[in-house]
C-alpha atoms as a PDB file:
ATOM      1  CA  MET A   1       0.000   0.000   0.000  1.00  0.00           C
ATOM      2  CA  SER A   2       1.501   3.312  -1.030  1.00  0.00           C
ATOM      3  CA  VAL A   3       0.862   6.695   0.466  1.00  0.00           C
ATOM      4  CA  GLU A   4      -0.017   9.392  -1.997  1.00  0.00           C
ATOM      5  CA  ARG A   5       0.223  13.044  -1.276  1.00  0.00           C
ATOM      6  CA  GLY A   6      -2.611  15.261  -2.187  1.00  0.00           C
ATOM      7  CA  PRO A   7      -2.149  18.814  -3.355  1.00  0.00           C
ATOM      8  CA  THR A   8      -2.622  20.129   0.217  1.00  0.00           C
ATOM      9  CA  GLN A   9       0.226  18.094   1.706  1.00  0.00           C
ATOM     10  CA  PRO A  10       3.699  19.630   1.335  1.00  0.00           C
ATOM     11  CA  ALA A  11       6.564  17.572   0.002  1.00  0.00           C
ATOM     12  CA  VAL A  12       9.200  16.411   2.465  1.00  0.00           C
ATOM     13  CA  ASP A  13      11.806  18.798   1.011  1.00  0.00           C
ATOM     14  CA  GLU A  14       9.633  21.879   1.393  1.00  0.00           C
ATOM     15  CA  PRO A  15      10.091  23.848   4.596  1.00  0.00           C
ATOM     16  CA  THR A  16       7.044  23.801   6.796  1.00  0.00           C
ATOM     17  CA  ARG A  17       5.834  26.745   8.793  1.00  0.00           C
ATOM     18  CA  ILE A  18       4.405  26.302  12.231  1.00  0.00           C
ATOM     19  CA  THR A  19       2.025  29.001  13.308  1.00  0.00           C
ATOM     20  CA  HIS A  20       0.966  29.452  16.881  1.00  0.00           C
ATOM     21  CA  ARG A  21      -2.686  30.024  17.584  1.00  0.00           C
ATOM     22  CA  ASN A  22      -1.955  31.791  20.843  1.00  0.00           C
ATOM     23  CA  ARG A  23       0.664  34.517  20.382  1.00  0.00           C
ATOM     24  CA  SER A  24       1.079  34.964  24.153  1.00  0.00           C
ATOM     25  CA  VAL A  25       2.708  31.534  24.366  1.00  0.00           C
ATOM     26  CA  ARG A  26       5.813  32.666  22.538  1.00  0.00           C
ATOM     27  CA  ALA A  27       7.261  36.077  21.824  1.00  0.00           C
ATOM     28  CA  ASP A  28       8.011  36.987  18.248  1.00  0.00           C
ATOM     29  CA  PRO A  29      11.829  37.096  17.960  1.00  0.00           C
ATOM     30  CA  ARG A  30      11.666  39.850  15.336  1.00  0.00           C
ATOM     31  CA  ARG A  31       9.750  42.175  17.650  1.00  0.00           C
ATOM     32  CA  CYS A  32      11.599  41.268  20.821  1.00  0.00           C
ATOM     33  CA  ARG A  33      15.348  41.446  20.338  1.00  0.00           C
ATOM     34  CA  PRO A  34      17.495  42.375  23.320  1.00  0.00           C
ATOM     35  CA  PRO A  35      19.836  45.289  22.798  1.00  0.00           C
ATOM     36  CA  VAL A  36      23.480  44.461  22.409  1.00  0.00           C
ATOM     37  CA  GLU A  37      24.329  46.394  25.588  1.00  0.00           C
ATOM     38  CA  SER A  38      22.206  44.364  27.970  1.00  0.00           C
ATOM     39  CA  ILE A  39      20.215  41.185  27.838  1.00  0.00           C
ATOM     40  CA  ASP A  40      18.419  42.168  31.071  1.00  0.00           C
ATOM     41  CA  GLN A  41      16.435  44.775  29.184  1.00  0.00           C
ATOM     42  CA  THR A  42      14.324  42.086  27.511  1.00  0.00           C
ATOM     43  CA  ALA A  43      11.761  42.560  30.288  1.00  0.00           C
ATOM     44  CA  SER A  44      10.335  45.372  28.180  1.00  0.00           C
ATOM     45  CA  CYS A  45       9.594  42.845  25.457  1.00  0.00           C
ATOM     46  CA  GLU A  46       6.386  40.904  25.472  1.00  0.00           C
ATOM     47  CA  LEU A  47       7.695  37.725  27.062  1.00  0.00           C
ATOM     48  CA  PRO A  48       5.187  35.261  28.411  1.00  0.00           C
ATOM     49  CA  LEU A  49       4.634  35.234  32.147  1.00  0.00           C
ATOM     50  CA  SER A  50       6.195  31.796  32.517  1.00  0.00           C
ATOM     51  CA  ALA A  51       9.414  32.993  30.859  1.00  0.00           C
ATOM     52  CA  ARG A  52       9.563  36.072  33.087  1.00  0.00           C
ATOM     53  CA  ILE A  53       9.000  33.922  36.172  1.00  0.00           C
ATOM     54  CA  GLU A  54      11.729  31.508  35.085  1.00  0.00           C
ATOM     55  CA  ARG A  55      14.163  34.385  34.469  1.00  0.00           C
ATOM     56  CA  THR A  56      13.426  35.812  37.896  1.00  0.00           C
ATOM     57  CA  ARG A  57      13.967  32.406  39.491  1.00  0.00           C
ATOM     58  CA  LEU A  58      17.263  32.014  37.632  1.00  0.00           C
ATOM     59  CA  ARG A  59      18.445  35.491  38.647  1.00  0.00           C
ATOM     60  CA  LEU A  60      17.626  34.740  42.284  1.00  0.00           C
ATOM     61  CA  ARG A  61      19.426  31.404  42.061  1.00  0.00           C
ATOM     62  CA  ILE A  62      22.489  33.077  40.540  1.00  0.00           C
ATOM     63  CA  ALA A  63      22.507  35.695  43.314  1.00  0.00           C
ATOM     64  CA  ALA A  64      22.267  32.960  45.967  1.00  0.00           C
ATOM     65  CA  LEU A  65      25.115  31.021  44.356  1.00  0.00           C
ATOM     66  CA  GLU A  66      27.251  34.164  44.171  1.00  0.00           C
ATOM     67  CA  ARG A  67      26.682  34.733  47.902  1.00  0.00           C
ATOM     68  CA  LEU A  68      27.685  31.118  48.602  1.00  0.00           C
ATOM     69  CA  VAL A  69      30.863  31.520  46.564  1.00  0.00           C
ATOM     70  CA  ALA A  70      31.746  34.748  48.382  1.00  0.00           C
ATOM     71  CA  ARG A  71      31.158  33.099  51.767  1.00  0.00           C
ATOM     72  CA  SER A  72      33.234  30.102  50.736  1.00  0.00           C
ATOM     73  CA  GLU A  73      36.064  32.365  49.583  1.00  0.00           C
ATOM     74  CA  THR A  74      35.968  34.211  52.917  1.00  0.00           C
ATOM     75  CA  ARG A  75      36.180  30.931  54.834  1.00  0.00           C
ATOM     76  CA  ARG A  76      38.972  29.670  52.595  1.00  0.00           C
ATOM     77  CA  GLN A  77      40.961  32.855  53.143  1.00  0.00           C
ATOM     78  CA  ALA A  78      40.429  32.587  56.915  1.00  0.00           C
ATOM     79  CA  VAL A  79      41.800  29.022  56.870  1.00  0.00           C
ATOM     80  CA  ILE A  80      44.811  30.149  54.822  1.00  0.00           C
ATOM     81  CA  ASP A  81      45.481  33.056  57.215  1.00  0.00           C
ATOM     82  CA  ARG A  82      45.205  30.763  60.239  1.00  0.00           C
ATOM     83  CA  TYR A  83      47.562  28.239  58.636  1.00  0.00           C
ATOM     84  CA  GLU A  84      50.093  30.969  57.850  1.00  0.00           C
ATOM     85  CA  ARG A  85      49.954  32.184  61.477  1.00  0.00           C
ATOM     86  CA  VAL A  86      50.521  28.630  62.744  1.00  0.00           C
ATOM     87  CA  LEU A  87      53.515  28.249  60.425  1.00  0.00           C
ATOM     88  CA  ALA A  88      54.921  31.617  61.505  1.00  0.00           C
ATOM     89  CA  ASP A  89      54.504  30.694  65.187  1.00  0.00           C
ATOM     90  CA  ARG A  90      56.146  27.346  64.532  1.00  0.00           C
ATOM     91  CA  ASP A  91      59.058  29.019  62.746  1.00  0.00           C
ATOM     92  CA  ASP A  92      59.445  31.510  65.616  1.00  0.00           C
ATOM     93  CA  SER A  93      59.425  28.777  68.247  1.00  0.00           C
ATOM     94  CA  THR A  94      61.850  26.676  66.188  1.00  0.00           C
ATOM     95  CA  GLN A  95      64.205  29.640  65.857  1.00  0.00           C
ATOM     96  CA  ASP A  96      63.906  30.385  69.591  1.00  0.00           C
ATOM     97  CA  ALA A  97      64.602  26.751  70.439  1.00  0.00           C
ATOM     98  CA  ALA A  98      67.571  26.676  68.081  1.00  0.00           C
ATOM     99  CA  ALA A  99      68.953  29.907  69.546  1.00  0.00           C
ATOM    100  CA  SER A 100      68.584  28.717  73.139  1.00  0.00           C
ATOM    101  CA  SER A 101      70.000  25.329  72.193  1.00  0.00           C
ATOM    102  CA  SER A 102      73.055  26.881  70.569  1.00  0.00           C
ATOM    103  CA  SER A 103      73.583  29.248  73.513  1.00  0.00           C
ATOM    104  CA  SER A 104      73.338  26.339  75.960  1.00  0.00           C
ATOM    105  CA  LEU A 105      75.804  24.359  73.838  1.00  0.00           C
ATOM    106  CA  LEU A 106      78.115  27.351  73.813  1.00  0.00           C
ATOM    107  CA  ALA A 107      77.796  27.619  77.597  1.00  0.00           C
ATOM    108  CA  GLN A 108      78.602  23.920  77.956  1.00  0.00           C
ATOM    109  CA  LEU A 109      81.661  24.298  75.735  1.00  0.00           C
ATOM    110  CA  ARG A 110      82.855  27.287  77.761  1.00  0.00           C
ATOM    111  CA  SER A 111      82.470  25.376  80.977  1.00  0.00           C
ATOM    112  CA  LEU A 112      84.812  22.705  79.747  1.00  0.00           C
END
C-alpha cells in the first residue's frame, strides 16, 4: 500500500511553517530582540509570564550562588590566614629553640 500526497500536503523537502494560535505563548523574535548592551532589558519585550517567572527564578538562584561563593572564599581565606599564622609561630618557636640550644651548647663548651 503506497501513500499518496494530495495537493494540500507539502513535500518532504519543502520547509514547513508552524504558526501558533496563541501569540502569548511565545514572543516573536523579530519584535523582541534584546539590545546588544544588555540582555536584562528584555523585560520590556512581550515575554510570556512563565518565561519572566523563570528568568526571575534564575536570577535569584544566581545571586544565591554568588553569595555562597563569596562566603566560601571568605572561609577559605580565613583558613589560609590561620595556617600561615601557625607556620609563623612554629618558625618563631623553632628559631627560639635553636637559639637557646646553641647558647646552651656554647655555655657547655665554655664550661669545659
